[in-house]
Amino acid sequence: MIREDEVYKIGIITRTHGVKGEVSLSFTDDVWDRVEADYLVLRVDGLLVPFFMEEYRFRSDTVALVKFQDCDTADDAKELCGLEVYFPYALTPEREEEDYTWRYFTGFRVMDSKAGELGEVERVDDSTANVLFEVGGRLIPAAEDFIERIDHQGRTIYMRLPEGLLDL
């Protein structure tokens, strides 16, 4: 049985693709491609279940089309729509701090030293030099000066935001 503390969320199955059992996976981390993993973990009726991949291909930098074993029809694929997708920590490669992109932090909880928990990073705007985290409808500067530490295992960013920033 796969435990909650053994995996971290990397995406969600959004819809079917075609008639041969493919699904569209919207992801925040393409770790399965970097380590050539054989399976992903899906949350089915509250249980974490491994699903073995036959093949996948990228549609964009945040969407992949995935074909799972024993998922051969559009009806099979439809059953997977809306399921959360996870990846095992045990298969995650060790990375140097400089290897991370800002988008890697999507889904991380953000904690401020004074305000406490602010929510999850829903989206990262890295279209300008000033990278922003969207957290609970707010835009928060992702400046390294504001980040105290990052707990990768717990998927939490600890920040010390300037006084008054959250009041804007």
N, C-alpha and C. Protein backbone atom coordinates (compact mmCIF):
# COMPACT_ATOMS: atom_id res chain seq x y z
N MET A 1 0.84 -1.18 0.00
CA MET A 1 0.00 0.00 0.00
C MET A 1 0.89 1.25 0.00
N ILE A 2 0.60 2.18 -0.88
CA ILE A 2 1.37 3.41 -0.97
C ILE A 2 0.81 4.41 0.04
N ARG A 3 1.71 4.99 0.84
CA ARG A 3 1.31 5.95 1.86
C ARG A 3 1.43 7.38 1.34
N GLU A 4 0.64 8.26 1.91
CA GLU A 4 0.60 9.67 1.53
C GLU A 4 1.98 10.34 1.63
N ASP A 5 2.76 9.98 2.64
CA ASP A 5 4.06 10.62 2.84
C ASP A 5 5.15 10.07 1.91
N GLU A 6 4.79 9.09 1.06
CA GLU A 6 5.74 8.52 0.12
C GLU A 6 5.67 9.15 -1.27
N VAL A 7 4.67 10.03 -1.48
CA VAL A 7 4.46 10.62 -2.80
C VAL A 7 4.19 12.11 -2.68
N TYR A 8 4.29 12.81 -3.81
CA TYR A 8 3.90 14.21 -3.86
C TYR A 8 3.14 14.45 -5.15
N LYS A 9 2.22 15.39 -5.10
CA LYS A 9 1.33 15.66 -6.23
C LYS A 9 2.09 16.36 -7.35
N ILE A 10 1.89 15.84 -8.58
CA ILE A 10 2.52 16.46 -9.74
C ILE A 10 1.51 16.90 -10.79
N GLY A 11 0.23 16.57 -10.61
CA GLY A 11 -0.74 16.98 -11.62
C GLY A 11 -2.10 16.37 -11.45
N ILE A 12 -2.89 16.47 -12.55
CA ILE A 12 -4.25 15.95 -12.56
C ILE A 12 -4.59 15.49 -13.98
N ILE A 13 -5.37 14.42 -14.07
CA ILE A 13 -5.86 13.95 -15.37
C ILE A 13 -7.05 14.85 -15.72
N THR A 14 -6.95 15.58 -16.83
CA THR A 14 -7.99 16.57 -17.14
C THR A 14 -9.06 16.07 -18.10
N ARG A 15 -8.67 15.23 -19.07
CA ARG A 15 -9.67 14.77 -20.04
C ARG A 15 -9.12 13.59 -20.84
N THR A 16 -10.01 12.99 -21.62
CA THR A 16 -9.58 11.91 -22.50
C THR A 16 -9.00 12.52 -23.77
N HIS A 17 -8.27 11.69 -24.51
CA HIS A 17 -7.71 12.11 -25.79
C HIS A 17 -7.86 10.95 -26.76
N GLY A 18 -8.71 11.13 -27.76
CA GLY A 18 -8.90 10.08 -28.75
C GLY A 18 -9.74 8.94 -28.23
N VAL A 19 -9.66 7.80 -28.93
CA VAL A 19 -10.51 6.66 -28.60
C VAL A 19 -9.73 5.43 -28.14
N LYS A 20 -8.42 5.56 -28.01
CA LYS A 20 -7.59 4.40 -27.68
C LYS A 20 -7.09 4.40 -26.24
N GLY A 21 -7.74 5.18 -25.36
CA GLY A 21 -7.42 5.14 -23.94
C GLY A 21 -6.42 6.15 -23.45
N GLU A 22 -6.03 7.11 -24.29
CA GLU A 22 -5.08 8.14 -23.84
C GLU A 22 -5.81 9.18 -22.99
N VAL A 23 -5.06 9.77 -22.06
CA VAL A 23 -5.58 10.85 -21.23
C VAL A 23 -4.63 12.04 -21.29
N SER A 24 -5.17 13.19 -20.99
CA SER A 24 -4.38 14.41 -20.94
C SER A 24 -4.01 14.67 -19.48
N LEU A 25 -2.72 14.76 -19.23
CA LEU A 25 -2.21 15.00 -17.88
C LEU A 25 -1.67 16.43 -17.80
N SER A 26 -2.31 17.25 -16.97
CA SER A 26 -1.83 18.60 -16.70
C SER A 26 -0.89 18.49 -15.50
N PHE A 27 0.39 18.85 -15.69
CA PHE A 27 1.38 18.59 -14.65
C PHE A 27 2.16 19.84 -14.26
N THR A 28 2.72 19.79 -13.06
CA THR A 28 3.59 20.86 -12.58
C THR A 28 5.04 20.41 -12.53
N ASP A 29 5.27 19.10 -12.65
CA ASP A 29 6.62 18.54 -12.59
C ASP A 29 6.69 17.35 -13.52
N ASP A 30 7.62 17.36 -14.46
CA ASP A 30 7.76 16.25 -15.41
C ASP A 30 8.84 15.25 -14.95
N VAL A 31 8.93 15.05 -13.66
CA VAL A 31 9.95 14.20 -13.07
C VAL A 31 9.95 12.79 -13.65
N TRP A 32 8.79 12.24 -13.99
CA TRP A 32 8.73 10.88 -14.54
C TRP A 32 9.52 10.75 -15.84
N ASP A 33 9.65 11.84 -16.59
CA ASP A 33 10.41 11.82 -17.83
C ASP A 33 11.91 11.90 -17.55
N ARG A 34 12.29 12.66 -16.55
CA ARG A 34 13.71 12.82 -16.22
C ARG A 34 14.32 11.55 -15.65
N VAL A 35 13.51 10.73 -14.97
CA VAL A 35 14.05 9.50 -14.38
C VAL A 35 13.59 8.26 -15.13
N GLU A 36 12.85 8.46 -16.21
CA GLU A 36 12.32 7.35 -17.01
C GLU A 36 11.57 6.35 -16.14
N ALA A 37 10.60 6.85 -15.38
CA ALA A 37 9.78 6.02 -14.50
C ALA A 37 8.81 5.17 -15.32
N ASP A 38 8.45 4.01 -14.78
CA ASP A 38 7.51 3.11 -15.44
C ASP A 38 6.06 3.40 -15.06
N TYR A 39 5.87 4.08 -13.93
CA TYR A 39 4.50 4.27 -13.44
C TYR A 39 4.32 5.64 -12.80
N LEU A 40 3.06 6.03 -12.69
CA LEU A 40 2.64 7.19 -11.92
C LEU A 40 1.63 6.69 -10.90
N VAL A 41 1.38 7.46 -9.86
CA VAL A 41 0.45 7.07 -8.82
C VAL A 41 -0.78 7.97 -8.94
N LEU A 42 -1.96 7.34 -9.01
CA LEU A 42 -3.22 8.08 -9.09
C LEU A 42 -4.03 7.84 -7.83
N ARG A 43 -4.75 8.86 -7.40
CA ARG A 43 -5.62 8.72 -6.23
C ARG A 43 -6.99 8.27 -6.74
N VAL A 44 -7.34 7.01 -6.44
CA VAL A 44 -8.60 6.42 -6.86
C VAL A 44 -9.43 6.10 -5.62
N ASP A 45 -10.57 6.75 -5.49
CA ASP A 45 -11.44 6.54 -4.32
C ASP A 45 -10.67 6.66 -3.01
N GLY A 46 -9.76 7.62 -2.92
CA GLY A 46 -9.00 7.87 -1.71
C GLY A 46 -7.74 7.03 -1.55
N LEU A 47 -7.56 6.05 -2.40
CA LEU A 47 -6.38 5.18 -2.32
C LEU A 47 -5.35 5.59 -3.37
N LEU A 48 -4.08 5.47 -3.03
CA LEU A 48 -3.00 5.76 -3.97
C LEU A 48 -2.63 4.47 -4.70
N VAL A 49 -2.84 4.49 -6.02
CA VAL A 49 -2.70 3.28 -6.83
C VAL A 49 -1.69 3.52 -7.95
N PRO A 50 -0.71 2.61 -8.12
CA PRO A 50 0.24 2.78 -9.24
C PRO A 50 -0.43 2.40 -10.57
N PHE A 51 -0.20 3.23 -11.58
CA PHE A 51 -0.67 2.97 -12.93
C PHE A 51 0.57 2.94 -13.84
N PHE A 52 0.78 1.84 -14.51
CA PHE A 52 1.95 1.69 -15.37
C PHE A 52 1.68 2.31 -16.74
N MET A 53 2.67 3.06 -17.23
CA MET A 53 2.53 3.75 -18.50
C MET A 53 3.02 2.89 -19.65
N GLU A 54 2.25 2.88 -20.72
CA GLU A 54 2.71 2.25 -21.96
C GLU A 54 3.54 3.25 -22.75
N GLU A 55 3.04 4.47 -22.82
CA GLU A 55 3.74 5.53 -23.55
C GLU A 55 3.18 6.89 -23.13
N TYR A 56 3.93 7.92 -23.47
CA TYR A 56 3.48 9.30 -23.25
C TYR A 56 4.20 10.20 -24.23
N ARG A 57 3.61 11.36 -24.44
CA ARG A 57 4.24 12.38 -25.27
C ARG A 57 3.78 13.74 -24.78
N PHE A 58 4.65 14.70 -24.91
CA PHE A 58 4.36 16.04 -24.42
C PHE A 58 3.60 16.84 -25.46
N ARG A 59 2.55 17.54 -25.02
CA ARG A 59 1.80 18.46 -25.87
C ARG A 59 2.28 19.89 -25.67
N SER A 60 2.76 20.19 -24.46
CA SER A 60 3.28 21.51 -24.12
C SER A 60 4.20 21.33 -22.92
N ASP A 61 4.63 22.45 -22.33
CA ASP A 61 5.50 22.32 -21.16
C ASP A 61 4.72 22.02 -19.88
N THR A 62 3.38 21.92 -19.95
CA THR A 62 2.57 21.59 -18.78
C THR A 62 1.52 20.51 -19.05
N VAL A 63 1.49 19.96 -20.26
CA VAL A 63 0.49 18.94 -20.60
C VAL A 63 1.17 17.80 -21.35
N ALA A 64 0.83 16.57 -20.94
CA ALA A 64 1.32 15.38 -21.63
C ALA A 64 0.13 14.46 -21.91
N LEU A 65 0.22 13.73 -23.01
CA LEU A 65 -0.76 12.69 -23.32
C LEU A 65 -0.16 11.37 -22.85
N VAL A 66 -0.92 10.65 -22.03
CA VAL A 66 -0.41 9.43 -21.40
C VAL A 66 -1.33 8.26 -21.73
N LYS A 67 -0.73 7.13 -22.05
CA LYS A 67 -1.46 5.89 -22.28
C LYS A 67 -1.03 4.92 -21.19
N PHE A 68 -1.99 4.53 -20.34
CA PHE A 68 -1.70 3.59 -19.26
C PHE A 68 -2.04 2.17 -19.70
N GLN A 69 -1.34 1.19 -19.12
CA GLN A 69 -1.63 -0.22 -19.40
C GLN A 69 -3.07 -0.52 -19.00
N ASP A 70 -3.73 -1.37 -19.78
CA ASP A 70 -5.11 -1.81 -19.52
C ASP A 70 -6.13 -0.69 -19.58
N CYS A 71 -5.76 0.41 -20.16
CA CYS A 71 -6.68 1.52 -20.41
C CYS A 71 -6.70 1.67 -21.94
N ASP A 72 -7.65 0.95 -22.57
CA ASP A 72 -7.60 0.80 -24.03
C ASP A 72 -8.74 1.47 -24.79
N THR A 73 -9.71 2.01 -24.08
CA THR A 73 -10.84 2.66 -24.76
C THR A 73 -11.09 4.03 -24.17
N ALA A 74 -11.89 4.81 -24.87
CA ALA A 74 -12.27 6.14 -24.38
C ALA A 74 -13.03 6.02 -23.06
N ASP A 75 -13.84 4.96 -22.92
CA ASP A 75 -14.58 4.76 -21.66
C ASP A 75 -13.63 4.46 -20.51
N ASP A 76 -12.58 3.66 -20.76
CA ASP A 76 -11.57 3.38 -19.73
C ASP A 76 -10.91 4.69 -19.30
N ALA A 77 -10.55 5.50 -20.31
CA ALA A 77 -9.86 6.76 -20.03
C ALA A 77 -10.76 7.73 -19.29
N LYS A 78 -12.03 7.72 -19.61
CA LYS A 78 -13.00 8.63 -18.96
C LYS A 78 -13.04 8.40 -17.45
N GLU A 79 -12.83 7.14 -17.03
CA GLU A 79 -12.84 6.80 -15.60
C GLU A 79 -11.70 7.48 -14.85
N LEU A 80 -10.63 7.85 -15.56
CA LEU A 80 -9.46 8.47 -14.92
C LEU A 80 -9.55 9.99 -14.84
N CYS A 81 -10.47 10.58 -15.58
CA CYS A 81 -10.59 12.04 -15.61
C CYS A 81 -10.88 12.60 -14.22
N GLY A 82 -10.14 13.64 -13.86
CA GLY A 82 -10.31 14.29 -12.57
C GLY A 82 -9.44 13.71 -11.46
N LEU A 83 -8.76 12.60 -11.74
CA LEU A 83 -7.92 11.98 -10.70
C LEU A 83 -6.61 12.75 -10.55
N GLU A 84 -6.18 12.90 -9.29
CA GLU A 84 -4.90 13.54 -8.99
C GLU A 84 -3.77 12.56 -9.28
N VAL A 85 -2.64 13.10 -9.74
CA VAL A 85 -1.49 12.28 -10.11
C VAL A 85 -0.32 12.61 -9.18
N TYR A 86 0.34 11.57 -8.69
CA TYR A 86 1.43 11.72 -7.74
C TYR A 86 2.67 11.00 -8.25
N PHE A 87 3.81 11.33 -7.63
CA PHE A 87 5.06 10.67 -7.97
C PHE A 87 5.78 10.28 -6.67
N PRO A 88 6.38 9.09 -6.63
CA PRO A 88 7.07 8.63 -5.42
C PRO A 88 8.35 9.41 -5.13
N TYR A 89 8.52 9.84 -3.89
CA TYR A 89 9.77 10.49 -3.49
C TYR A 89 10.96 9.57 -3.74
N ALA A 90 10.77 8.27 -3.55
CA ALA A 90 11.88 7.33 -3.68
C ALA A 90 12.48 7.31 -5.09
N LEU A 91 11.69 7.66 -6.09
CA LEU A 91 12.19 7.66 -7.47
C LEU A 91 12.69 9.03 -7.91
N THR A 92 12.51 10.03 -7.06
CA THR A 92 12.89 11.39 -7.41
C THR A 92 14.40 11.54 -7.31
N PRO A 93 15.03 12.04 -8.36
CA PRO A 93 16.48 12.20 -8.32
C PRO A 93 16.88 13.34 -7.40
N GLU A 94 18.05 13.21 -6.80
CA GLU A 94 18.59 14.32 -6.01
C GLU A 94 18.95 15.44 -6.98
N ARG A 95 18.58 16.65 -6.61
CA ARG A 95 18.87 17.78 -7.49
C ARG A 95 19.62 18.84 -6.71
N GLU A 96 20.46 19.51 -7.43
CA GLU A 96 21.16 20.65 -6.85
C GLU A 96 20.18 21.82 -6.82
N GLU A 97 20.34 22.71 -5.87
CA GLU A 97 19.44 23.85 -5.71
C GLU A 97 19.29 24.65 -7.01
N GLU A 98 20.37 24.80 -7.76
CA GLU A 98 20.30 25.61 -8.99
C GLU A 98 19.59 24.88 -10.13
N ASP A 99 19.24 23.60 -9.98
CA ASP A 99 18.55 22.85 -11.02
C ASP A 99 17.06 23.14 -11.08
N TYR A 100 16.49 23.75 -10.06
CA TYR A 100 15.06 23.98 -10.01
C TYR A 100 14.65 25.20 -10.84
N THR A 101 13.51 25.07 -11.53
CA THR A 101 12.92 26.23 -12.18
C THR A 101 11.84 26.76 -11.24
N TRP A 102 11.40 27.97 -11.45
CA TRP A 102 10.37 28.54 -10.58
C TRP A 102 9.07 27.72 -10.65
N ARG A 103 8.74 27.19 -11.81
CA ARG A 103 7.49 26.42 -11.96
C ARG A 103 7.48 25.14 -11.13
N TYR A 104 8.64 24.66 -10.78
CA TYR A 104 8.72 23.47 -9.91
C TYR A 104 7.95 23.69 -8.62
N PHE A 105 7.85 24.92 -8.16
CA PHE A 105 7.25 25.23 -6.86
C PHE A 105 5.73 25.30 -6.89
N THR A 106 5.11 25.11 -8.06
CA THR A 106 3.65 25.05 -8.14
C THR A 106 3.17 23.90 -7.26
N GLY A 107 2.20 24.19 -6.41
CA GLY A 107 1.67 23.18 -5.49
C GLY A 107 2.32 23.21 -4.12
N PHE A 108 3.42 23.94 -3.96
CA PHE A 108 4.06 24.07 -2.64
C PHE A 108 3.20 24.98 -1.76
N ARG A 109 3.16 24.68 -0.46
CA ARG A 109 2.51 25.58 0.50
C ARG A 109 3.46 26.74 0.78
N VAL A 110 2.89 27.91 1.02
CA VAL A 110 3.69 29.09 1.35
C VAL A 110 3.38 29.51 2.78
N MET A 111 4.42 29.61 3.58
CA MET A 111 4.29 30.03 4.98
C MET A 111 5.06 31.34 5.15
N ASP A 112 4.42 32.33 5.74
CA ASP A 112 5.08 33.59 6.04
C ASP A 112 5.44 33.59 7.52
N SER A 113 6.57 34.16 7.87
CA SER A 113 7.04 34.15 9.25
C SER A 113 6.08 34.87 10.20
N LYS A 114 5.34 35.85 9.72
CA LYS A 114 4.40 36.57 10.58
C LYS A 114 2.94 36.17 10.34
N ALA A 115 2.53 36.05 9.09
CA ALA A 115 1.13 35.79 8.75
C ALA A 115 0.76 34.32 8.81
N GLY A 116 1.75 33.44 8.85
CA GLY A 116 1.46 32.00 8.87
C GLY A 116 1.22 31.46 7.47
N GLU A 117 0.35 30.45 7.38
CA GLU A 117 0.11 29.81 6.09
C GLU A 117 -0.70 30.72 5.17
N LEU A 118 -0.19 30.91 3.95
CA LEU A 118 -0.85 31.77 2.98
C LEU A 118 -1.62 30.97 1.93
N GLY A 119 -1.30 29.69 1.79
CA GLY A 119 -1.96 28.83 0.81
C GLY A 119 -0.94 28.15 -0.08
N GLU A 120 -1.44 27.59 -1.19
CA GLU A 120 -0.59 26.88 -2.15
C GLU A 120 -0.24 27.77 -3.32
N VAL A 121 0.94 27.55 -3.88
CA VAL A 121 1.32 28.23 -5.12
C VAL A 121 0.46 27.61 -6.23
N GLU A 122 -0.49 28.41 -6.74
CA GLU A 122 -1.41 27.92 -7.76
C GLU A 122 -0.81 28.07 -9.16
N ARG A 123 0.02 29.09 -9.31
CA ARG A 123 0.60 29.38 -10.62
C ARG A 123 1.84 30.21 -10.40
N VAL A 124 2.77 30.13 -11.33
CA VAL A 124 3.99 30.93 -11.28
C VAL A 124 4.03 31.80 -12.53
N ASP A 125 4.16 33.11 -12.33
CA ASP A 125 4.29 34.03 -13.45
C ASP A 125 5.77 34.37 -13.58
N ASP A 126 6.41 33.73 -14.56
CA ASP A 126 7.84 33.99 -14.77
C ASP A 126 8.06 34.67 -16.13
N SER A 127 7.03 35.41 -16.57
CA SER A 127 7.12 36.07 -17.87
C SER A 127 7.96 37.34 -17.84
N THR A 128 8.28 37.83 -16.63
CA THR A 128 9.13 39.01 -16.50
C THR A 128 10.29 38.68 -15.57
N ALA A 129 11.18 39.62 -15.38
CA ALA A 129 12.32 39.42 -14.49
C ALA A 129 11.87 39.26 -13.04
N ASN A 130 10.73 39.84 -12.68
CA ASN A 130 10.19 39.74 -11.32
C ASN A 130 9.20 38.58 -11.26
N VAL A 131 9.68 37.43 -10.86
CA VAL A 131 8.85 36.23 -10.79
C VAL A 131 7.85 36.37 -9.65
N LEU A 132 6.59 35.94 -9.91
CA LEU A 132 5.53 36.05 -8.91
C LEU A 132 4.89 34.69 -8.68
N PHE A 133 4.56 34.39 -7.40
CA PHE A 133 3.75 33.24 -7.05
C PHE A 133 2.32 33.72 -6.92
N GLU A 134 1.37 32.99 -7.52
CA GLU A 134 -0.03 33.28 -7.26
C GLU A 134 -0.48 32.34 -6.16
N VAL A 135 -0.86 32.93 -5.02
CA VAL A 135 -1.23 32.18 -3.83
C VAL A 135 -2.55 32.74 -3.31
N GLY A 136 -3.61 31.93 -3.37
CA GLY A 136 -4.90 32.38 -2.87
C GLY A 136 -5.39 33.66 -3.52
N GLY A 137 -5.15 33.81 -4.81
CA GLY A 137 -5.59 35.00 -5.52
C GLY A 137 -4.68 36.20 -5.37
N ARG A 138 -3.64 36.09 -4.56
CA ARG A 138 -2.66 37.17 -4.38
C ARG A 138 -1.42 36.88 -5.19
N LEU A 139 -0.75 37.94 -5.61
CA LEU A 139 0.55 37.79 -6.27
C LEU A 139 1.64 38.14 -5.26
N ILE A 140 2.54 37.20 -5.05
CA ILE A 140 3.61 37.36 -4.07
C ILE A 140 4.94 37.27 -4.79
N PRO A 141 5.82 38.25 -4.58
CA PRO A 141 7.13 38.18 -5.23
C PRO A 141 7.90 36.92 -4.80
N ALA A 142 8.44 36.22 -5.77
CA ALA A 142 9.20 35.00 -5.49
C ALA A 142 10.69 35.33 -5.37
N ALA A 143 10.97 36.49 -4.84
CA ALA A 143 12.35 36.94 -4.71
C ALA A 143 13.11 36.07 -3.71
N GLU A 144 14.30 35.67 -4.09
CA GLU A 144 15.10 34.82 -3.22
C GLU A 144 15.40 35.50 -1.89
N ASP A 145 15.42 36.83 -1.86
CA ASP A 145 15.66 37.57 -0.61
C ASP A 145 14.55 37.34 0.40
N PHE A 146 13.33 37.01 -0.07
CA PHE A 146 12.18 36.81 0.82
C PHE A 146 12.05 35.35 1.27
N ILE A 147 12.78 34.45 0.64
CA ILE A 147 12.67 33.03 0.97
C ILE A 147 13.69 32.67 2.03
N GLU A 148 13.18 32.22 3.19
CA GLU A 148 14.07 31.82 4.28
C GLU A 148 14.63 30.42 4.05
N ARG A 149 13.72 29.49 3.70
CA ARG A 149 14.15 28.13 3.42
C ARG A 149 13.04 27.40 2.67
N ILE A 150 13.42 26.29 2.07
CA ILE A 150 12.48 25.48 1.31
C ILE A 150 12.56 24.04 1.81
N ASP A 151 11.42 23.49 2.17
CA ASP A 151 11.33 22.09 2.58
C ASP A 151 10.80 21.31 1.38
N HIS A 152 11.71 20.71 0.60
CA HIS A 152 11.30 20.00 -0.62
C HIS A 152 10.47 18.77 -0.28
N GLN A 153 10.86 18.06 0.75
CA GLN A 153 10.13 16.85 1.14
C GLN A 153 8.71 17.20 1.57
N GLY A 154 8.55 18.24 2.36
CA GLY A 154 7.24 18.68 2.83
C GLY A 154 6.54 19.63 1.87
N ARG A 155 7.20 19.96 0.74
CA ARG A 155 6.67 20.85 -0.29
C ARG A 155 6.13 22.14 0.31
N THR A 156 7.02 22.81 1.07
CA THR A 156 6.67 24.06 1.74
C THR A 156 7.77 25.09 1.54
N ILE A 157 7.36 26.33 1.24
CA ILE A 157 8.30 27.45 1.12
C ILE A 157 8.08 28.35 2.32
N TYR A 158 9.14 28.60 3.08
CA TYR A 158 9.07 29.48 4.24
C TYR A 158 9.62 30.84 3.82
N MET A 159 8.78 31.87 3.97
CA MET A 159 9.15 33.21 3.51
C MET A 159 9.08 34.22 4.66
N ARG A 160 9.81 35.31 4.50
CA ARG A 160 9.72 36.47 5.39
C ARG A 160 9.41 37.64 4.47
N LEU A 161 8.09 37.92 4.34
CA LEU A 161 7.65 38.97 3.43
C LEU A 161 7.76 40.34 4.10
N PRO A 162 8.04 41.38 3.32
CA PRO A 162 8.13 42.73 3.88
C PRO A 162 6.81 43.16 4.53
N GLU A 163 6.94 43.94 5.58
CA GLU A 163 5.79 44.48 6.31
C GLU A 163 4.86 45.20 5.33
N GLY A 164 3.56 44.88 5.39
CA GLY A 164 2.57 45.57 4.58
C GLY A 164 2.34 44.98 3.19
N LEU A 165 3.20 44.08 2.74
CA LEU A 165 3.05 43.52 1.40
C LEU A 165 1.72 42.79 1.22
N LEU A 166 1.30 42.07 2.23
CA LEU A 166 0.05 41.30 2.12
C LEU A 166 -1.18 42.21 2.21
N ASP A 167 -1.00 43.46 2.62
CA ASP A 167 -2.13 44.39 2.72
C ASP A 167 -2.45 45.06 1.40
N LEU A 168 -1.57 44.90 0.41
CA LEU A 168 -1.78 45.54 -0.88
C LEU A 168 -2.93 44.92 -1.65
